[in-house]
Amino acid sequence: CIMRFPPEIGAVEEIAADWDPPSLGTG
């Protein structure tokens, strides 16, 4: 899975529940 995950986290489990992933770009 490729996303613009928050740069300050070291693992997916650290993502805040209210995180809204930013766009990677258009189709």
mmCIF file of all heavy atoms, coordinates in Angstrom:
data_MODEL
# 
_entry.id   MODEL 
# 
loop_
_atom_site.group_PDB 
_atom_site.id 
_atom_site.type_symbol 
_atom_site.label_atom_id 
_atom_site.label_alt_id 
_atom_site.label_comp_id 
_atom_site.label_asym_id 
_atom_site.label_entity_id 
_atom_site.label_seq_id 
_atom_site.pdbx_PDB_ins_code 
_atom_site.Cartn_x 
_atom_site.Cartn_y 
_atom_site.Cartn_z 
_atom_site.occupancy 
_atom_site.B_iso_or_equiv 
_atom_site.pdbx_formal_charge 
_atom_site.auth_seq_id 
_atom_site.auth_comp_id 
_atom_site.auth_asym_id 
_atom_site.auth_atom_id 
_atom_site.pdbx_PDB_model_num 
ATOM 1   N N   . CYS A 1 1  ? 0.852  -1.187 0.000   1.00 0.00 ? 1  CYS A N   1 
ATOM 2   C CA  . CYS A 1 1  ? 0.000  0.000  0.000   1.00 0.00 ? 1  CYS A CA  1 
ATOM 3   C C   . CYS A 1 1  ? 0.889  1.239  0.000   1.00 0.00 ? 1  CYS A C   1 
ATOM 4   O O   . CYS A 1 1  ? 1.797  1.354  0.824   1.00 0.00 ? 1  CYS A O   1 
ATOM 5   C CB  . CYS A 1 1  ? -0.899 -0.003 1.230   1.00 0.00 ? 1  CYS A CB  1 
ATOM 6   S SG  . CYS A 1 1  ? -1.921 1.472  1.374   1.00 0.00 ? 1  CYS A SG  1 
ATOM 7   N N   . ILE A 1 2  ? 0.601  2.150  -0.931  1.00 0.00 ? 2  ILE A N   1 
ATOM 8   C CA  . ILE A 1 2  ? 1.378  3.375  -1.068  1.00 0.00 ? 2  ILE A CA  1 
ATOM 9   C C   . ILE A 1 2  ? 0.474  4.571  -0.796  1.00 0.00 ? 2  ILE A C   1 
ATOM 10  O O   . ILE A 1 2  ? -0.575 4.712  -1.428  1.00 0.00 ? 2  ILE A O   1 
ATOM 11  C CB  . ILE A 1 2  ? 1.993  3.478  -2.475  1.00 0.00 ? 2  ILE A CB  1 
ATOM 12  C CG1 . ILE A 1 2  ? 2.940  2.295  -2.712  1.00 0.00 ? 2  ILE A CG1 1 
ATOM 13  C CG2 . ILE A 1 2  ? 2.700  4.818  -2.661  1.00 0.00 ? 2  ILE A CG2 1 
ATOM 14  C CD1 . ILE A 1 2  ? 3.434  2.180  -4.131  1.00 0.00 ? 2  ILE A CD1 1 
ATOM 15  N N   . MET A 1 3  ? 0.875  5.387  0.167   1.00 0.00 ? 3  MET A N   1 
ATOM 16  C CA  . MET A 1 3  ? 0.131  6.591  0.525   1.00 0.00 ? 3  MET A CA  1 
ATOM 17  C C   . MET A 1 3  ? 1.118  7.643  1.022   1.00 0.00 ? 3  MET A C   1 
ATOM 18  O O   . MET A 1 3  ? 2.267  7.328  1.311   1.00 0.00 ? 3  MET A O   1 
ATOM 19  C CB  . MET A 1 3  ? -0.902 6.300  1.622   1.00 0.00 ? 3  MET A CB  1 
ATOM 20  C CG  . MET A 1 3  ? -1.965 5.298  1.235   1.00 0.00 ? 3  MET A CG  1 
ATOM 21  S SD  . MET A 1 3  ? -3.118 4.966  2.583   1.00 0.00 ? 3  MET A SD  1 
ATOM 22  C CE  . MET A 1 3  ? -4.229 6.333  2.348   1.00 0.00 ? 3  MET A CE  1 
ATOM 23  N N   . ARG A 1 4  ? 0.627  8.832  1.173   1.00 0.00 ? 4  ARG A N   1 
ATOM 24  C CA  . ARG A 1 4  ? 1.445  9.882  1.794   1.00 0.00 ? 4  ARG A CA  1 
ATOM 25  C C   . ARG A 1 4  ? 1.189  9.846  3.301   1.00 0.00 ? 4  ARG A C   1 
ATOM 26  O O   . ARG A 1 4  ? 0.514  10.694 3.868   1.00 0.00 ? 4  ARG A O   1 
ATOM 27  C CB  . ARG A 1 4  ? 1.122  11.249 1.188   1.00 0.00 ? 4  ARG A CB  1 
ATOM 28  C CG  . ARG A 1 4  ? 1.636  11.331 -0.236  1.00 0.00 ? 4  ARG A CG  1 
ATOM 29  C CD  . ARG A 1 4  ? 1.900  12.730 -0.697  1.00 0.00 ? 4  ARG A CD  1 
ATOM 30  N NE  . ARG A 1 4  ? 2.513  12.684 -2.015  1.00 0.00 ? 4  ARG A NE  1 
ATOM 31  C CZ  . ARG A 1 4  ? 2.049  13.320 -3.078  1.00 0.00 ? 4  ARG A CZ  1 
ATOM 32  N NH1 . ARG A 1 4  ? 0.987  14.091 -2.986  1.00 0.00 ? 4  ARG A NH1 1 
ATOM 33  N NH2 . ARG A 1 4  ? 2.662  13.205 -4.232  1.00 0.00 ? 4  ARG A NH2 1 
ATOM 34  N N   . PHE A 1 5  ? 1.732  8.813  3.915   1.00 0.00 ? 5  PHE A N   1 
ATOM 35  C CA  . PHE A 1 5  ? 1.597  8.632  5.351   1.00 0.00 ? 5  PHE A CA  1 
ATOM 36  C C   . PHE A 1 5  ? 2.300  9.780  6.068   1.00 0.00 ? 5  PHE A C   1 
ATOM 37  O O   . PHE A 1 5  ? 3.277  10.328 5.557   1.00 0.00 ? 5  PHE A O   1 
ATOM 38  C CB  . PHE A 1 5  ? 2.216  7.300  5.783   1.00 0.00 ? 5  PHE A CB  1 
ATOM 39  C CG  . PHE A 1 5  ? 1.495  6.083  5.264   1.00 0.00 ? 5  PHE A CG  1 
ATOM 40  C CD1 . PHE A 1 5  ? 1.998  5.367  4.189   1.00 0.00 ? 5  PHE A CD1 1 
ATOM 41  C CD2 . PHE A 1 5  ? 0.315  5.670  5.841   1.00 0.00 ? 5  PHE A CD2 1 
ATOM 42  C CE1 . PHE A 1 5  ? 1.346  4.244  3.709   1.00 0.00 ? 5  PHE A CE1 1 
ATOM 43  C CE2 . PHE A 1 5  ? -0.355 4.551  5.381   1.00 0.00 ? 5  PHE A CE2 1 
ATOM 44  C CZ  . PHE A 1 5  ? 0.164  3.833  4.310   1.00 0.00 ? 5  PHE A CZ  1 
ATOM 45  N N   . PRO A 1 6  ? 1.838  10.129 7.268   1.00 0.00 ? 6  PRO A N   1 
ATOM 46  C CA  . PRO A 1 6  ? 2.507  11.204 8.018   1.00 0.00 ? 6  PRO A CA  1 
ATOM 47  C C   . PRO A 1 6  ? 3.999  10.890 8.187   1.00 0.00 ? 6  PRO A C   1 
ATOM 48  O O   . PRO A 1 6  ? 4.363  9.785  8.594   1.00 0.00 ? 6  PRO A O   1 
ATOM 49  C CB  . PRO A 1 6  ? 1.778  11.202 9.364   1.00 0.00 ? 6  PRO A CB  1 
ATOM 50  C CG  . PRO A 1 6  ? 0.439  10.591 9.074   1.00 0.00 ? 6  PRO A CG  1 
ATOM 51  C CD  . PRO A 1 6  ? 0.687  9.578  7.994   1.00 0.00 ? 6  PRO A CD  1 
ATOM 52  N N   . PRO A 1 7  ? 4.867  11.832 7.882   1.00 0.00 ? 7  PRO A N   1 
ATOM 53  C CA  . PRO A 1 7  ? 6.314  11.562 7.928   1.00 0.00 ? 7  PRO A CA  1 
ATOM 54  C C   . PRO A 1 7  ? 6.848  11.304 9.332   1.00 0.00 ? 7  PRO A C   1 
ATOM 55  O O   . PRO A 1 7  ? 7.893  10.675 9.478   1.00 0.00 ? 7  PRO A O   1 
ATOM 56  C CB  . PRO A 1 7  ? 6.932  12.820 7.329   1.00 0.00 ? 7  PRO A CB  1 
ATOM 57  C CG  . PRO A 1 7  ? 5.895  13.871 7.447   1.00 0.00 ? 7  PRO A CG  1 
ATOM 58  C CD  . PRO A 1 7  ? 4.561  13.184 7.432   1.00 0.00 ? 7  PRO A CD  1 
ATOM 59  N N   . GLU A 1 8  ? 6.144  11.767 10.346  1.00 0.00 ? 8  GLU A N   1 
ATOM 60  C CA  . GLU A 1 8  ? 6.653  11.631 11.713  1.00 0.00 ? 8  GLU A CA  1 
ATOM 61  C C   . GLU A 1 8  ? 6.366  10.271 12.334  1.00 0.00 ? 8  GLU A C   1 
ATOM 62  O O   . GLU A 1 8  ? 6.852  9.982  13.431  1.00 0.00 ? 8  GLU A O   1 
ATOM 63  C CB  . GLU A 1 8  ? 6.093  12.751 12.604  1.00 0.00 ? 8  GLU A CB  1 
ATOM 64  C CG  . GLU A 1 8  ? 4.608  12.662 12.871  1.00 0.00 ? 8  GLU A CG  1 
ATOM 65  C CD  . GLU A 1 8  ? 3.723  13.273 11.773  1.00 0.00 ? 8  GLU A CD  1 
ATOM 66  O OE1 . GLU A 1 8  ? 4.237  13.724 10.744  1.00 0.00 ? 8  GLU A OE1 1 
ATOM 67  O OE2 . GLU A 1 8  ? 2.497  13.284 11.974  1.00 0.00 ? 8  GLU A OE2 1 
ATOM 68  N N   . ILE A 1 9  ? 5.598  9.411  11.678  1.00 0.00 ? 9  ILE A N   1 
ATOM 69  C CA  . ILE A 1 9  ? 5.270  8.119  12.285  1.00 0.00 ? 9  ILE A CA  1 
ATOM 70  C C   . ILE A 1 9  ? 6.187  7.025  11.749  1.00 0.00 ? 9  ILE A C   1 
ATOM 71  O O   . ILE A 1 9  ? 6.706  7.103  10.641  1.00 0.00 ? 9  ILE A O   1 
ATOM 72  C CB  . ILE A 1 9  ? 3.791  7.736  12.065  1.00 0.00 ? 9  ILE A CB  1 
ATOM 73  C CG1 . ILE A 1 9  ? 3.489  7.507  10.583  1.00 0.00 ? 9  ILE A CG1 1 
ATOM 74  C CG2 . ILE A 1 9  ? 2.858  8.790  12.663  1.00 0.00 ? 9  ILE A CG2 1 
ATOM 75  C CD1 . ILE A 1 9  ? 2.154  6.872  10.322  1.00 0.00 ? 9  ILE A CD1 1 
ATOM 76  N N   . GLY A 1 10 ? 6.384  5.997  12.571  1.00 0.00 ? 10 GLY A N   1 
ATOM 77  C CA  . GLY A 1 10 ? 7.240  4.884  12.194  1.00 0.00 ? 10 GLY A CA  1 
ATOM 78  C C   . GLY A 1 10 ? 6.494  3.632  11.813  1.00 0.00 ? 10 GLY A C   1 
ATOM 79  O O   . GLY A 1 10 ? 7.075  2.700  11.271  1.00 0.00 ? 10 GLY A O   1 
ATOM 80  N N   . ALA A 1 11 ? 5.180  3.590  12.108  1.00 0.00 ? 11 ALA A N   1 
ATOM 81  C CA  . ALA A 1 11 ? 4.367  2.411  11.800  1.00 0.00 ? 11 ALA A CA  1 
ATOM 82  C C   . ALA A 1 11 ? 2.922  2.845  11.567  1.00 0.00 ? 11 ALA A C   1 
ATOM 83  O O   . ALA A 1 11 ? 2.480  3.873  12.093  1.00 0.00 ? 11 ALA A O   1 
ATOM 84  C CB  . ALA A 1 11 ? 4.432  1.409  12.947  1.00 0.00 ? 11 ALA A CB  1 
ATOM 85  N N   . VAL A 1 12 ? 2.220  2.061  10.805  1.00 0.00 ? 12 VAL A N   1 
ATOM 86  C CA  . VAL A 1 12 ? 0.827  2.370  10.477  1.00 0.00 ? 12 VAL A CA  1 
ATOM 87  C C   . VAL A 1 12 ? -0.021 2.495  11.737  1.00 0.00 ? 12 VAL A C   1 
ATOM 88  O O   . VAL A 1 12 ? -0.940 3.321  11.802  1.00 0.00 ? 12 VAL A O   1 
ATOM 89  C CB  . VAL A 1 12 ? 0.256  1.293  9.524   1.00 0.00 ? 12 VAL A CB  1 
ATOM 90  C CG1 . VAL A 1 12 ? -1.227 1.487  9.281   1.00 0.00 ? 12 VAL A CG1 1 
ATOM 91  C CG2 . VAL A 1 12 ? 1.010  1.304  8.205   1.00 0.00 ? 12 VAL A CG2 1 
ATOM 92  N N   . GLU A 1 13 ? 0.297  1.709  12.759  1.00 0.00 ? 13 GLU A N   1 
ATOM 93  C CA  . GLU A 1 13 ? -0.471 1.735  14.007  1.00 0.00 ? 13 GLU A CA  1 
ATOM 94  C C   . GLU A 1 13 ? -0.448 3.105  14.684  1.00 0.00 ? 13 GLU A C   1 
ATOM 95  O O   . GLU A 1 13 ? -1.290 3.404  15.522  1.00 0.00 ? 13 GLU A O   1 
ATOM 96  C CB  . GLU A 1 13 ? 0.044  0.673  14.983  1.00 0.00 ? 13 GLU A CB  1 
ATOM 97  C CG  . GLU A 1 13 ? -0.184 -0.744 14.528  1.00 0.00 ? 13 GLU A CG  1 
ATOM 98  C CD  . GLU A 1 13 ? 0.833  -1.211 13.479  1.00 0.00 ? 13 GLU A CD  1 
ATOM 99  O OE1 . GLU A 1 13 ? 1.919  -0.611 13.363  1.00 0.00 ? 13 GLU A OE1 1 
ATOM 100 O OE2 . GLU A 1 13 ? 0.522  -2.172 12.758  1.00 0.00 ? 13 GLU A OE2 1 
ATOM 101 N N   . GLU A 1 14 ? 0.499  3.951  14.321  1.00 0.00 ? 14 GLU A N   1 
ATOM 102 C CA  . GLU A 1 14 ? 0.633  5.271  14.927  1.00 0.00 ? 14 GLU A CA  1 
ATOM 103 C C   . GLU A 1 14 ? -0.235 6.337  14.255  1.00 0.00 ? 14 GLU A C   1 
ATOM 104 O O   . GLU A 1 14 ? -0.286 7.471  14.727  1.00 0.00 ? 14 GLU A O   1 
ATOM 105 C CB  . GLU A 1 14 ? 2.099  5.716  14.870  1.00 0.00 ? 14 GLU A CB  1 
ATOM 106 C CG  . GLU A 1 14 ? 3.035  4.841  15.666  1.00 0.00 ? 14 GLU A CG  1 
ATOM 107 C CD  . GLU A 1 14 ? 4.485  5.229  15.465  1.00 0.00 ? 14 GLU A CD  1 
ATOM 108 O OE1 . GLU A 1 14 ? 4.780  6.414  15.169  1.00 0.00 ? 14 GLU A OE1 1 
ATOM 109 O OE2 . GLU A 1 14 ? 5.360  4.343  15.602  1.00 0.00 ? 14 GLU A OE2 1 
ATOM 110 N N   . ILE A 1 15 ? -0.927 5.972  13.187  1.00 0.00 ? 15 ILE A N   1 
ATOM 111 C CA  . ILE A 1 15 ? -1.763 6.951  12.484  1.00 0.00 ? 15 ILE A CA  1 
ATOM 112 C C   . ILE A 1 15 ? -2.961 7.315  13.351  1.00 0.00 ? 15 ILE A C   1 
ATOM 113 O O   . ILE A 1 15 ? -3.634 6.435  13.896  1.00 0.00 ? 15 ILE A O   1 
ATOM 114 C CB  . ILE A 1 15 ? -2.240 6.396  11.128  1.00 0.00 ? 15 ILE A CB  1 
ATOM 115 C CG1 . ILE A 1 15 ? -1.039 6.166  10.206  1.00 0.00 ? 15 ILE A CG1 1 
ATOM 116 C CG2 . ILE A 1 15 ? -3.245 7.340  10.472  1.00 0.00 ? 15 ILE A CG2 1 
ATOM 117 C CD1 . ILE A 1 15 ? -1.381 5.473  8.908   1.00 0.00 ? 15 ILE A CD1 1 
ATOM 118 N N   . ALA A 1 16 ? -3.226 8.589  13.468  1.00 0.00 ? 16 ALA A N   1 
ATOM 119 C CA  . ALA A 1 16 ? -4.376 9.065  14.248  1.00 0.00 ? 16 ALA A CA  1 
ATOM 120 C C   . ALA A 1 16 ? -5.671 8.596  13.590  1.00 0.00 ? 16 ALA A C   1 
ATOM 121 O O   . ALA A 1 16 ? -5.773 8.510  12.358  1.00 0.00 ? 16 ALA A O   1 
ATOM 122 C CB  . ALA A 1 16 ? -4.354 10.587 14.334  1.00 0.00 ? 16 ALA A CB  1 
ATOM 123 N N   . ALA A 1 17 ? -6.664 8.314  14.423  1.00 0.00 ? 17 ALA A N   1 
ATOM 124 C CA  . ALA A 1 17 ? -7.954 7.822  13.917  1.00 0.00 ? 17 ALA A CA  1 
ATOM 125 C C   . ALA A 1 17 ? -8.628 8.816  12.975  1.00 0.00 ? 17 ALA A C   1 
ATOM 126 O O   . ALA A 1 17 ? -9.357 8.408  12.063  1.00 0.00 ? 17 ALA A O   1 
ATOM 127 C CB  . ALA A 1 17 ? -8.879 7.499  15.092  1.00 0.00 ? 17 ALA A CB  1 
ATOM 128 N N   . ASP A 1 18 ? -8.378 10.090 13.160  1.00 0.00 ? 18 ASP A N   1 
ATOM 129 C CA  . ASP A 1 18 ? -9.029 11.099 12.316  1.00 0.00 ? 18 ASP A CA  1 
ATOM 130 C C   . ASP A 1 18 ? -8.148 11.551 11.138  1.00 0.00 ? 18 ASP A C   1 
ATOM 131 O O   . ASP A 1 18 ? -8.449 12.537 10.473  1.00 0.00 ? 18 ASP A O   1 
ATOM 132 C CB  . ASP A 1 18 ? -9.430 12.311 13.148  1.00 0.00 ? 18 ASP A CB  1 
ATOM 133 C CG  . ASP A 1 18 ? -8.239 13.010 13.795  1.00 0.00 ? 18 ASP A CG  1 
ATOM 134 O OD1 . ASP A 1 18 ? -7.120 12.448 13.784  1.00 0.00 ? 18 ASP A OD1 1 
ATOM 135 O OD2 . ASP A 1 18 ? -8.434 14.123 14.315  1.00 0.00 ? 18 ASP A OD2 1 
ATOM 136 N N   . TRP A 1 19 ? -7.077 10.819 10.842  1.00 0.00 ? 19 TRP A N   1 
ATOM 137 C CA  . TRP A 1 19 ? -6.178 11.172 9.748   1.00 0.00 ? 19 TRP A CA  1 
ATOM 138 C C   . TRP A 1 19 ? -6.911 11.110 8.417   1.00 0.00 ? 19 TRP A C   1 
ATOM 139 O O   . TRP A 1 19 ? -7.638 10.154 8.127   1.00 0.00 ? 19 TRP A O   1 
ATOM 140 C CB  . TRP A 1 19 ? -4.982 10.234 9.742   1.00 0.00 ? 19 TRP A CB  1 
ATOM 141 C CG  . TRP A 1 19 ? -4.008 10.487 8.628   1.00 0.00 ? 19 TRP A CG  1 
ATOM 142 C CD1 . TRP A 1 19 ? -3.265 11.611 8.432   1.00 0.00 ? 19 TRP A CD1 1 
ATOM 143 C CD2 . TRP A 1 19 ? -3.657 9.593  7.571   1.00 0.00 ? 19 TRP A CD2 1 
ATOM 144 N NE1 . TRP A 1 19 ? -2.473 11.465 7.318   1.00 0.00 ? 19 TRP A NE1 1 
ATOM 145 C CE2 . TRP A 1 19 ? -2.692 10.235 6.765   1.00 0.00 ? 19 TRP A CE2 1 
ATOM 146 C CE3 . TRP A 1 19 ? -4.064 8.310  7.219   1.00 0.00 ? 19 TRP A CE3 1 
ATOM 147 C CZ2 . TRP A 1 19 ? -2.127 9.639  5.643   1.00 0.00 ? 19 TRP A CZ2 1 
ATOM 148 C CZ3 . TRP A 1 19 ? -3.501 7.716  6.108   1.00 0.00 ? 19 TRP A CZ3 1 
ATOM 149 C CH2 . TRP A 1 19 ? -2.547 8.387  5.332   1.00 0.00 ? 19 TRP A CH2 1 
ATOM 150 N N   . ASP A 1 20 ? -6.748 12.125 7.623   1.00 0.00 ? 20 ASP A N   1 
ATOM 151 C CA  . ASP A 1 20 ? -7.339 12.193 6.290   1.00 0.00 ? 20 ASP A CA  1 
ATOM 152 C C   . ASP A 1 20 ? -6.187 12.180 5.293   1.00 0.00 ? 20 ASP A C   1 
ATOM 153 O O   . ASP A 1 20 ? -5.452 13.174 5.176   1.00 0.00 ? 20 ASP A O   1 
ATOM 154 C CB  . ASP A 1 20 ? -8.167 13.478 6.154   1.00 0.00 ? 20 ASP A CB  1 
ATOM 155 C CG  . ASP A 1 20 ? -8.960 13.532 4.878   1.00 0.00 ? 20 ASP A CG  1 
ATOM 156 O OD1 . ASP A 1 20 ? -9.224 12.462 4.279   1.00 0.00 ? 20 ASP A OD1 1 
ATOM 157 O OD2 . ASP A 1 20 ? -9.319 14.643 4.470   1.00 0.00 ? 20 ASP A OD2 1 
ATOM 158 N N   . PRO A 1 21 ? -5.988 11.057 4.583   1.00 0.00 ? 21 PRO A N   1 
ATOM 159 C CA  . PRO A 1 21 ? -4.808 10.970 3.715   1.00 0.00 ? 21 PRO A CA  1 
ATOM 160 C C   . PRO A 1 21 ? -4.827 12.003 2.599   1.00 0.00 ? 21 PRO A C   1 
ATOM 161 O O   . PRO A 1 21 ? -5.856 12.203 1.956   1.00 0.00 ? 21 PRO A O   1 
ATOM 162 C CB  . PRO A 1 21 ? -4.873 9.555  3.146   1.00 0.00 ? 21 PRO A CB  1 
ATOM 163 C CG  . PRO A 1 21 ? -6.260 9.087  3.369   1.00 0.00 ? 21 PRO A CG  1 
ATOM 164 C CD  . PRO A 1 21 ? -6.824 9.867  4.517   1.00 0.00 ? 21 PRO A CD  1 
ATOM 165 N N   . PRO A 1 22 ? -3.709 12.659 2.373   1.00 0.00 ? 22 PRO A N   1 
ATOM 166 C CA  . PRO A 1 22 ? -3.637 13.609 1.264   1.00 0.00 ? 22 PRO A CA  1 
ATOM 167 C C   . PRO A 1 22 ? -3.564 12.875 -0.073  1.00 0.00 ? 22 PRO A C   1 
ATOM 168 O O   . PRO A 1 22 ? -3.188 11.707 -0.143  1.00 0.00 ? 22 PRO A O   1 
ATOM 169 C CB  . PRO A 1 22 ? -2.344 14.378 1.541   1.00 0.00 ? 22 PRO A CB  1 
ATOM 170 C CG  . PRO A 1 22 ? -1.523 13.454 2.358   1.00 0.00 ? 22 PRO A CG  1 
ATOM 171 C CD  . PRO A 1 22 ? -2.478 12.613 3.149   1.00 0.00 ? 22 PRO A CD  1 
ATOM 172 N N   . SER A 1 23 ? -3.892 13.580 -1.112  1.00 0.00 ? 23 SER A N   1 
ATOM 173 C CA  . SER A 1 23 ? -3.878 13.011 -2.453  1.00 0.00 ? 23 SER A CA  1 
ATOM 174 C C   . SER A 1 23 ? -2.458 12.704 -2.912  1.00 0.00 ? 23 SER A C   1 
ATOM 175 O O   . SER A 1 23 ? -1.524 13.457 -2.634  1.00 0.00 ? 23 SER A O   1 
ATOM 176 C CB  . SER A 1 23 ? -4.537 13.999 -3.423  1.00 0.00 ? 23 SER A CB  1 
ATOM 177 O OG  . SER A 1 23 ? -4.428 13.540 -4.743  1.00 0.00 ? 23 SER A OG  1 
ATOM 178 N N   . LEU A 1 24 ? -2.321 11.597 -3.638  1.00 0.00 ? 24 LEU A N   1 
ATOM 179 C CA  . LEU A 1 24 ? -1.066 11.271 -4.312  1.00 0.00 ? 24 LEU A CA  1 
ATOM 180 C C   . LEU A 1 24 ? -0.983 11.990 -5.648  1.00 0.00 ? 24 LEU A C   1 
ATOM 181 O O   . LEU A 1 24 ? 0.077  12.121 -6.231  1.00 0.00 ? 24 LEU A O   1 
ATOM 182 C CB  . LEU A 1 24 ? -0.984 9.769  -4.596  1.00 0.00 ? 24 LEU A CB  1 
ATOM 183 C CG  . LEU A 1 24 ? -0.777 8.827  -3.432  1.00 0.00 ? 24 LEU A CG  1 
ATOM 184 C CD1 . LEU A 1 24 ? -0.916 7.382  -3.905  1.00 0.00 ? 24 LEU A CD1 1 
ATOM 185 C CD2 . LEU A 1 24 ? 0.584  9.047  -2.807  1.00 0.00 ? 24 LEU A CD2 1 
ATOM 186 N N   . GLY A 1 25 ? -2.120 12.409 -6.145  1.00 0.00 ? 25 GLY A N   1 
ATOM 187 C CA  . GLY A 1 25 ? -2.225 13.025 -7.459  1.00 0.00 ? 25 GLY A CA  1 
ATOM 188 C C   . GLY A 1 25 ? -3.525 12.583 -8.106  1.00 0.00 ? 25 GLY A C   1 
ATOM 189 O O   . GLY A 1 25 ? -4.367 11.948 -7.471  1.00 0.00 ? 25 GLY A O   1 
ATOM 190 N N   . THR A 1 26 ? -3.687 12.902 -9.352  1.00 0.00 ? 26 THR A N   1 
ATOM 191 C CA  . THR A 1 26 ? -4.887 12.509 -10.087 1.00 0.00 ? 26 THR A CA  1 
ATOM 192 C C   . THR A 1 26 ? -4.679 11.121 -10.700 1.00 0.00 ? 26 THR A C   1 
ATOM 193 O O   . THR A 1 26 ? -3.556 10.598 -10.726 1.00 0.00 ? 26 THR A O   1 
ATOM 194 C CB  . THR A 1 26 ? -5.174 13.504 -11.219 1.00 0.00 ? 26 THR A CB  1 
ATOM 195 O OG1 . THR A 1 26 ? -4.079 13.455 -12.145 1.00 0.00 ? 26 THR A OG1 1 
ATOM 196 C CG2 . THR A 1 26 ? -5.375 14.919 -10.688 1.00 0.00 ? 26 THR A CG2 1 
ATOM 197 N N   . GLY A 1 27 ? -5.761 10.558 -11.189 1.00 0.00 ? 27 GLY A N   1 
ATOM 198 C CA  . GLY A 1 27 ? -5.656 9.275  -11.881 1.00 0.00 ? 27 GLY A CA  1 
ATOM 199 C C   . GLY A 1 27 ? -4.617 9.322  -12.986 1.00 0.00 ? 27 GLY A C   1 
ATOM 200 O O   . GLY A 1 27 ? -3.815 8.398  -13.145 1.00 0.00 ? 27 GLY A O   1 
# 
